[in-house]
Amino acid sequence: MQNRDKLYIDGRWTAPSGKKTIDVISASTEEVMGRIPEGDAADVQAAVAAARRAFDGWAATPAAERAACLKKIQEGLKARADDIARTICGEVGMPLKLSVMIQAGSPIGTFGLYARMLADFAFEEKVGNSLVVREPIGVVAA
């Protein structure tokens, strides 16, 4: 069984504010295959505050550096693709072959796509007499 007891907030694994947990149920056996912490409002506030502190620096980071970060995440996902696929396969009951392609493969491809898009993205564009500037607007908790 895979159990996690911490939330990743502000660049580190930290204990959640509350004690509640969420059981991860296997779709094929209906047995508990893992347990994760249930974040509460205080955890969300801590995560949003951490993201806000990091926002200005990240927004000012050159596109090439941001692309390099996305590529690093992509490589990390590639290295763990089999573990990710197996875990999701058990949780949702998807055949392993599909889980490798979709559940593990899609995020790998998406991070690579956005890294490549940054190379040519028009952050500023002149449209008629106007200058359209595309810039980060802030933190979102979803």
N, C-alpha and C. Protein backbone atom coordinates (compact mmCIF):
# COMPACT_ATOMS: atom_id res chain seq x y z
N MET A 1 0.85 -1.17 0.00
CA MET A 1 0.00 0.00 0.00
C MET A 1 0.90 1.24 0.00
N GLN A 2 0.54 2.23 -0.81
CA GLN A 2 1.28 3.48 -0.90
C GLN A 2 0.61 4.52 -0.01
N ASN A 3 1.29 4.92 1.04
CA ASN A 3 0.76 5.94 1.93
C ASN A 3 1.64 7.17 1.88
N ARG A 4 1.02 8.30 1.89
CA ARG A 4 1.72 9.58 1.95
C ARG A 4 1.15 10.33 3.15
N ASP A 5 2.02 11.02 3.88
CA ASP A 5 1.54 11.74 5.05
C ASP A 5 1.88 13.22 5.02
N LYS A 6 2.40 13.68 3.89
CA LYS A 6 2.79 15.09 3.78
C LYS A 6 2.25 15.70 2.49
N LEU A 7 2.18 17.03 2.48
CA LEU A 7 1.79 17.81 1.31
C LEU A 7 3.01 18.60 0.84
N TYR A 8 3.13 18.79 -0.46
CA TYR A 8 4.26 19.54 -1.00
C TYR A 8 3.86 21.01 -1.09
N ILE A 9 4.38 21.81 -0.17
CA ILE A 9 4.05 23.23 -0.08
C ILE A 9 5.34 24.01 0.14
N ASP A 10 5.53 25.06 -0.61
CA ASP A 10 6.67 25.97 -0.44
C ASP A 10 8.01 25.27 -0.63
N GLY A 11 8.06 24.36 -1.61
CA GLY A 11 9.32 23.72 -1.95
C GLY A 11 9.76 22.60 -1.03
N ARG A 12 8.86 22.14 -0.17
CA ARG A 12 9.24 21.04 0.72
C ARG A 12 7.99 20.25 1.13
N TRP A 13 8.25 19.02 1.56
CA TRP A 13 7.17 18.18 2.07
C TRP A 13 6.89 18.60 3.50
N THR A 14 5.63 18.89 3.79
CA THR A 14 5.26 19.40 5.10
C THR A 14 4.02 18.68 5.62
N ALA A 15 3.92 18.59 6.93
CA ALA A 15 2.76 17.94 7.54
C ALA A 15 1.52 18.79 7.27
N PRO A 16 0.39 18.15 6.98
CA PRO A 16 -0.85 18.90 6.76
C PRO A 16 -1.35 19.51 8.07
N SER A 17 -2.21 20.52 7.96
CA SER A 17 -2.77 21.16 9.15
C SER A 17 -3.68 20.23 9.92
N GLY A 18 -4.50 19.48 9.19
CA GLY A 18 -5.46 18.59 9.83
C GLY A 18 -4.97 17.16 9.89
N LYS A 19 -5.79 16.30 10.41
CA LYS A 19 -5.44 14.89 10.56
C LYS A 19 -6.23 13.99 9.61
N LYS A 20 -7.17 14.55 8.86
CA LYS A 20 -8.00 13.73 7.98
C LYS A 20 -7.18 13.20 6.81
N THR A 21 -7.58 12.02 6.34
CA THR A 21 -6.92 11.40 5.19
C THR A 21 -7.98 10.97 4.17
N ILE A 22 -7.50 10.69 2.98
CA ILE A 22 -8.36 10.20 1.90
C ILE A 22 -7.85 8.83 1.49
N ASP A 23 -8.73 7.85 1.48
CA ASP A 23 -8.36 6.52 1.01
C ASP A 23 -8.34 6.52 -0.52
N VAL A 24 -7.30 5.93 -1.08
CA VAL A 24 -7.21 5.74 -2.53
C VAL A 24 -7.67 4.31 -2.79
N ILE A 25 -8.75 4.17 -3.53
CA ILE A 25 -9.40 2.88 -3.74
C ILE A 25 -9.04 2.31 -5.11
N SER A 26 -8.69 1.04 -5.14
CA SER A 26 -8.43 0.36 -6.40
C SER A 26 -9.75 0.13 -7.13
N ALA A 27 -9.81 0.55 -8.38
CA ALA A 27 -11.04 0.36 -9.17
C ALA A 27 -11.31 -1.11 -9.45
N SER A 28 -10.26 -1.90 -9.53
CA SER A 28 -10.47 -3.31 -9.88
C SER A 28 -10.80 -4.19 -8.68
N THR A 29 -10.25 -3.87 -7.50
CA THR A 29 -10.50 -4.72 -6.33
C THR A 29 -11.37 -4.05 -5.28
N GLU A 30 -11.56 -2.74 -5.40
CA GLU A 30 -12.27 -1.92 -4.42
C GLU A 30 -11.62 -1.94 -3.05
N GLU A 31 -10.35 -2.32 -3.00
CA GLU A 31 -9.59 -2.29 -1.75
C GLU A 31 -8.81 -0.99 -1.66
N VAL A 32 -8.50 -0.59 -0.43
CA VAL A 32 -7.67 0.59 -0.21
C VAL A 32 -6.26 0.26 -0.68
N MET A 33 -5.75 1.06 -1.63
CA MET A 33 -4.40 0.82 -2.14
C MET A 33 -3.42 1.89 -1.68
N GLY A 34 -3.95 2.89 -0.99
CA GLY A 34 -3.10 3.95 -0.48
C GLY A 34 -3.90 4.94 0.34
N ARG A 35 -3.17 5.82 0.99
CA ARG A 35 -3.83 6.84 1.81
C ARG A 35 -3.03 8.13 1.67
N ILE A 36 -3.75 9.24 1.50
CA ILE A 36 -3.10 10.53 1.34
C ILE A 36 -3.72 11.54 2.31
N PRO A 37 -2.99 12.60 2.67
CA PRO A 37 -3.57 13.59 3.56
C PRO A 37 -4.65 14.41 2.86
N GLU A 38 -5.67 14.78 3.60
CA GLU A 38 -6.72 15.65 3.08
C GLU A 38 -6.36 17.08 3.48
N GLY A 39 -5.88 17.84 2.52
CA GLY A 39 -5.55 19.23 2.80
C GLY A 39 -6.80 20.01 3.17
N ASP A 40 -6.64 20.98 4.06
CA ASP A 40 -7.78 21.80 4.46
C ASP A 40 -7.53 23.25 4.05
N ALA A 41 -8.41 24.14 4.48
CA ALA A 41 -8.31 25.55 4.09
C ALA A 41 -6.97 26.16 4.49
N ALA A 42 -6.45 25.79 5.65
CA ALA A 42 -5.16 26.33 6.09
C ALA A 42 -4.03 25.87 5.16
N ASP A 43 -4.11 24.63 4.69
CA ASP A 43 -3.11 24.12 3.75
C ASP A 43 -3.19 24.87 2.42
N VAL A 44 -4.40 25.14 1.96
CA VAL A 44 -4.58 25.89 0.72
C VAL A 44 -4.01 27.30 0.89
N GLN A 45 -4.30 27.93 2.02
CA GLN A 45 -3.78 29.28 2.28
C GLN A 45 -2.25 29.28 2.30
N ALA A 46 -1.65 28.26 2.91
CA ALA A 46 -0.19 28.17 2.95
C ALA A 46 0.38 27.98 1.55
N ALA A 47 -0.27 27.15 0.74
CA ALA A 47 0.20 26.92 -0.63
C ALA A 47 0.06 28.18 -1.48
N VAL A 48 -1.05 28.88 -1.34
CA VAL A 48 -1.25 30.11 -2.11
C VAL A 48 -0.25 31.17 -1.67
N ALA A 49 0.00 31.30 -0.37
CA ALA A 49 0.98 32.28 0.12
C ALA A 49 2.37 31.96 -0.42
N ALA A 50 2.74 30.68 -0.43
CA ALA A 50 4.05 30.28 -0.96
C ALA A 50 4.14 30.59 -2.45
N ALA A 51 3.08 30.29 -3.18
CA ALA A 51 3.07 30.58 -4.62
C ALA A 51 3.16 32.08 -4.87
N ARG A 52 2.50 32.85 -4.05
CA ARG A 52 2.55 34.31 -4.21
C ARG A 52 3.96 34.84 -3.95
N ARG A 53 4.64 34.29 -2.93
CA ARG A 53 6.02 34.71 -2.65
C ARG A 53 6.94 34.38 -3.82
N ALA A 54 6.69 33.27 -4.49
CA ALA A 54 7.54 32.85 -5.60
C ALA A 54 7.17 33.53 -6.92
N PHE A 55 5.98 34.11 -6.98
CA PHE A 55 5.45 34.60 -8.25
C PHE A 55 6.32 35.64 -8.94
N ASP A 56 6.71 36.69 -8.24
CA ASP A 56 7.44 37.77 -8.89
C ASP A 56 8.75 37.28 -9.50
N GLY A 57 9.48 36.47 -8.76
CA GLY A 57 10.74 35.92 -9.29
C GLY A 57 10.52 35.02 -10.49
N TRP A 58 9.50 34.18 -10.41
CA TRP A 58 9.21 33.28 -11.53
C TRP A 58 8.74 34.07 -12.75
N ALA A 59 7.89 35.06 -12.55
CA ALA A 59 7.39 35.86 -13.66
C ALA A 59 8.52 36.61 -14.36
N ALA A 60 9.56 36.97 -13.61
CA ALA A 60 10.69 37.71 -14.19
C ALA A 60 11.76 36.78 -14.77
N THR A 61 11.61 35.49 -14.58
CA THR A 61 12.59 34.53 -15.10
C THR A 61 12.51 34.49 -16.62
N PRO A 62 13.65 34.58 -17.29
CA PRO A 62 13.64 34.53 -18.76
C PRO A 62 12.99 33.25 -19.28
N ALA A 63 12.36 33.36 -20.44
CA ALA A 63 11.64 32.23 -21.04
C ALA A 63 12.53 31.01 -21.20
N ALA A 64 13.78 31.19 -21.56
CA ALA A 64 14.69 30.05 -21.75
C ALA A 64 14.90 29.30 -20.44
N GLU A 65 14.99 30.02 -19.33
CA GLU A 65 15.14 29.35 -18.03
C GLU A 65 13.87 28.63 -17.63
N ARG A 66 12.72 29.25 -17.90
CA ARG A 66 11.45 28.58 -17.60
C ARG A 66 11.31 27.32 -18.44
N ALA A 67 11.71 27.40 -19.71
CA ALA A 67 11.66 26.22 -20.59
C ALA A 67 12.56 25.12 -20.04
N ALA A 68 13.73 25.49 -19.54
CA ALA A 68 14.65 24.49 -18.96
C ALA A 68 14.02 23.82 -17.74
N CYS A 69 13.29 24.58 -16.93
CA CYS A 69 12.59 24.00 -15.78
C CYS A 69 11.52 23.01 -16.23
N LEU A 70 10.77 23.38 -17.26
CA LEU A 70 9.75 22.48 -17.79
C LEU A 70 10.37 21.20 -18.34
N LYS A 71 11.50 21.33 -19.02
CA LYS A 71 12.20 20.14 -19.54
C LYS A 71 12.68 19.26 -18.40
N LYS A 72 13.13 19.87 -17.31
CA LYS A 72 13.60 19.09 -16.15
C LYS A 72 12.43 18.31 -15.53
N ILE A 73 11.28 18.94 -15.44
CA ILE A 73 10.09 18.24 -14.95
C ILE A 73 9.73 17.10 -15.90
N GLN A 74 9.78 17.37 -17.19
CA GLN A 74 9.49 16.35 -18.19
C GLN A 74 10.42 15.15 -18.01
N GLU A 75 11.69 15.41 -17.83
CA GLU A 75 12.66 14.32 -17.65
C GLU A 75 12.37 13.53 -16.37
N GLY A 76 12.00 14.23 -15.30
CA GLY A 76 11.64 13.55 -14.06
C GLY A 76 10.42 12.66 -14.23
N LEU A 77 9.43 13.14 -14.97
CA LEU A 77 8.25 12.33 -15.24
C LEU A 77 8.60 11.11 -16.09
N LYS A 78 9.47 11.31 -17.09
CA LYS A 78 9.91 10.18 -17.93
C LYS A 78 10.57 9.12 -17.07
N ALA A 79 11.42 9.54 -16.15
CA ALA A 79 12.15 8.59 -15.30
C ALA A 79 11.20 7.79 -14.41
N ARG A 80 10.05 8.37 -14.06
CA ARG A 80 9.10 7.69 -13.17
C ARG A 80 7.85 7.21 -13.90
N ALA A 81 7.87 7.23 -15.23
CA ALA A 81 6.67 6.92 -16.02
C ALA A 81 6.08 5.55 -15.68
N ASP A 82 6.92 4.53 -15.52
CA ASP A 82 6.40 3.19 -15.22
C ASP A 82 5.69 3.16 -13.87
N ASP A 83 6.29 3.78 -12.85
CA ASP A 83 5.66 3.83 -11.53
C ASP A 83 4.34 4.61 -11.57
N ILE A 84 4.35 5.74 -12.27
CA ILE A 84 3.14 6.55 -12.39
C ILE A 84 2.05 5.74 -13.08
N ALA A 85 2.39 5.10 -14.18
CA ALA A 85 1.40 4.32 -14.94
C ALA A 85 0.84 3.18 -14.11
N ARG A 86 1.71 2.47 -13.38
CA ARG A 86 1.24 1.34 -12.56
C ARG A 86 0.29 1.82 -11.46
N THR A 87 0.64 2.92 -10.81
CA THR A 87 -0.20 3.45 -9.74
C THR A 87 -1.56 3.86 -10.27
N ILE A 88 -1.58 4.59 -11.36
CA ILE A 88 -2.85 5.05 -11.93
C ILE A 88 -3.65 3.88 -12.49
N CYS A 89 -2.96 2.92 -13.06
CA CYS A 89 -3.62 1.70 -13.55
C CYS A 89 -4.41 1.04 -12.42
N GLY A 90 -3.78 0.92 -11.26
CA GLY A 90 -4.47 0.32 -10.12
C GLY A 90 -5.62 1.16 -9.61
N GLU A 91 -5.42 2.47 -9.60
CA GLU A 91 -6.44 3.35 -9.05
C GLU A 91 -7.68 3.44 -9.93
N VAL A 92 -7.50 3.60 -11.24
CA VAL A 92 -8.66 3.81 -12.11
C VAL A 92 -9.07 2.57 -12.90
N GLY A 93 -8.27 1.51 -12.84
CA GLY A 93 -8.62 0.29 -13.54
C GLY A 93 -8.33 0.32 -15.03
N MET A 94 -7.52 1.24 -15.45
CA MET A 94 -7.16 1.36 -16.87
C MET A 94 -6.11 0.30 -17.21
N PRO A 95 -6.18 -0.31 -18.39
CA PRO A 95 -5.13 -1.24 -18.78
C PRO A 95 -3.76 -0.55 -18.74
N LEU A 96 -2.75 -1.29 -18.32
CA LEU A 96 -1.42 -0.71 -18.14
C LEU A 96 -0.90 -0.06 -19.41
N LYS A 97 -1.10 -0.70 -20.55
CA LYS A 97 -0.60 -0.14 -21.81
C LYS A 97 -1.20 1.25 -22.06
N LEU A 98 -2.49 1.40 -21.81
CA LEU A 98 -3.14 2.71 -21.98
C LEU A 98 -2.67 3.70 -20.92
N SER A 99 -2.49 3.23 -19.70
CA SER A 99 -2.02 4.10 -18.63
C SER A 99 -0.64 4.67 -18.95
N VAL A 100 0.23 3.83 -19.54
CA VAL A 100 1.56 4.30 -19.94
C VAL A 100 1.43 5.39 -20.99
N MET A 101 0.57 5.17 -21.97
CA MET A 101 0.43 6.14 -23.07
C MET A 101 -0.30 7.42 -22.63
N ILE A 102 -1.38 7.26 -21.87
CA ILE A 102 -2.25 8.40 -21.57
C ILE A 102 -1.90 9.06 -20.23
N GLN A 103 -2.01 8.30 -19.16
CA GLN A 103 -1.86 8.89 -17.83
C GLN A 103 -0.43 9.32 -17.53
N ALA A 104 0.55 8.54 -17.97
CA ALA A 104 1.95 8.93 -17.77
C ALA A 104 2.47 9.69 -18.97
N GLY A 105 2.09 9.27 -20.16
CA GLY A 105 2.64 9.87 -21.38
C GLY A 105 2.14 11.27 -21.68
N SER A 106 0.88 11.54 -21.41
CA SER A 106 0.32 12.85 -21.74
C SER A 106 1.01 13.99 -20.98
N PRO A 107 1.21 13.89 -19.67
CA PRO A 107 1.93 14.97 -18.98
C PRO A 107 3.37 15.13 -19.48
N ILE A 108 4.01 14.04 -19.81
CA ILE A 108 5.38 14.12 -20.35
C ILE A 108 5.37 14.93 -21.64
N GLY A 109 4.44 14.61 -22.52
CA GLY A 109 4.33 15.34 -23.78
C GLY A 109 3.94 16.80 -23.58
N THR A 110 3.05 17.05 -22.64
CA THR A 110 2.58 18.41 -22.39
C THR A 110 3.71 19.31 -21.88
N PHE A 111 4.50 18.81 -20.93
CA PHE A 111 5.62 19.62 -20.43
C PHE A 111 6.62 19.91 -21.55
N GLY A 112 6.88 18.94 -22.41
CA GLY A 112 7.78 19.15 -23.54
C GLY A 112 7.21 20.16 -24.53
N LEU A 113 5.91 20.06 -24.79
CA LEU A 113 5.25 20.98 -25.71
C LEU A 113 5.38 22.42 -25.23
N TYR A 114 5.07 22.65 -23.96
CA TYR A 114 5.14 24.01 -23.44
C TYR A 114 6.57 24.52 -23.37
N ALA A 115 7.53 23.65 -23.12
CA ALA A 115 8.93 24.07 -23.15
C ALA A 115 9.31 24.53 -24.55
N ARG A 116 8.88 23.79 -25.57
CA ARG A 116 9.17 24.19 -26.96
C ARG A 116 8.42 25.46 -27.35
N MET A 117 7.18 25.60 -26.90
CA MET A 117 6.39 26.79 -27.23
C MET A 117 7.03 28.07 -26.71
N LEU A 118 7.69 27.98 -25.57
CA LEU A 118 8.31 29.17 -24.99
C LEU A 118 9.36 29.78 -25.91
N ALA A 119 10.01 28.96 -26.73
CA ALA A 119 11.07 29.46 -27.61
C ALA A 119 10.54 30.48 -28.60
N ASP A 120 9.31 30.32 -29.07
CA ASP A 120 8.76 31.19 -30.11
C ASP A 120 7.56 32.01 -29.66
N PHE A 121 7.22 31.95 -28.39
CA PHE A 121 6.00 32.60 -27.93
C PHE A 121 6.14 34.12 -28.01
N ALA A 122 5.14 34.78 -28.57
CA ALA A 122 5.16 36.24 -28.69
C ALA A 122 4.58 36.86 -27.41
N PHE A 123 5.46 37.19 -26.48
CA PHE A 123 5.01 37.83 -25.24
C PHE A 123 4.56 39.26 -25.51
N GLU A 124 5.11 39.87 -26.55
CA GLU A 124 4.68 41.19 -26.98
C GLU A 124 4.40 41.14 -28.48
N GLU A 125 3.30 41.80 -28.87
CA GLU A 125 2.91 41.78 -30.28
C GLU A 125 2.26 43.12 -30.63
N LYS A 126 2.73 43.71 -31.67
CA LYS A 126 2.13 44.97 -32.12
C LYS A 126 0.93 44.65 -33.00
N VAL A 127 -0.21 45.21 -32.63
CA VAL A 127 -1.46 45.02 -33.37
C VAL A 127 -1.98 46.42 -33.68
N GLY A 128 -1.84 46.82 -34.93
CA GLY A 128 -2.24 48.18 -35.30
C GLY A 128 -1.39 49.18 -34.54
N ASN A 129 -2.06 50.10 -33.84
CA ASN A 129 -1.36 51.11 -33.03
C ASN A 129 -1.08 50.63 -31.62
N SER A 130 -1.47 49.41 -31.30
CA SER A 130 -1.39 48.91 -29.93
C SER A 130 -0.28 47.90 -29.76
N LEU A 131 0.17 47.80 -28.54
CA LEU A 131 1.13 46.77 -28.17
C LEU A 131 0.42 45.82 -27.20
N VAL A 132 0.26 44.58 -27.61
CA VAL A 132 -0.36 43.56 -26.76
C VAL A 132 0.76 42.89 -25.97
N VAL A 133 0.66 42.92 -24.65
CA VAL A 133 1.67 42.32 -23.78
C VAL A 133 1.01 41.18 -23.02
N ARG A 134 1.59 40.00 -23.16
CA ARG A 134 1.08 38.82 -22.44
C ARG A 134 2.02 38.56 -21.27
N GLU A 135 1.45 38.62 -20.08
CA GLU A 135 2.28 38.43 -18.89
C GLU A 135 1.49 37.68 -17.83
N PRO A 136 2.20 37.03 -16.91
CA PRO A 136 1.52 36.30 -15.84
C PRO A 136 0.68 37.27 -15.00
N ILE A 137 -0.48 36.80 -14.55
CA ILE A 137 -1.36 37.69 -13.79
C ILE A 137 -1.42 37.36 -12.30
N GLY A 138 -1.00 36.18 -11.91
CA GLY A 138 -1.03 35.88 -10.49
C GLY A 138 -1.26 34.42 -10.18
N VAL A 139 -1.53 34.18 -8.92
CA VAL A 139 -1.67 32.83 -8.37
C VAL A 139 -3.13 32.41 -8.44
N VAL A 140 -3.36 31.14 -8.76
CA VAL A 140 -4.70 30.58 -8.80
C VAL A 140 -4.71 29.30 -7.95
N ALA A 141 -5.67 29.16 -7.08
CA ALA A 141 -5.86 27.91 -6.34
C ALA A 141 -7.04 27.20 -6.98
N ALA A 142 -6.81 26.00 -7.48
CA ALA A 142 -7.88 25.27 -8.16
C ALA A 142 -7.98 23.86 -7.62
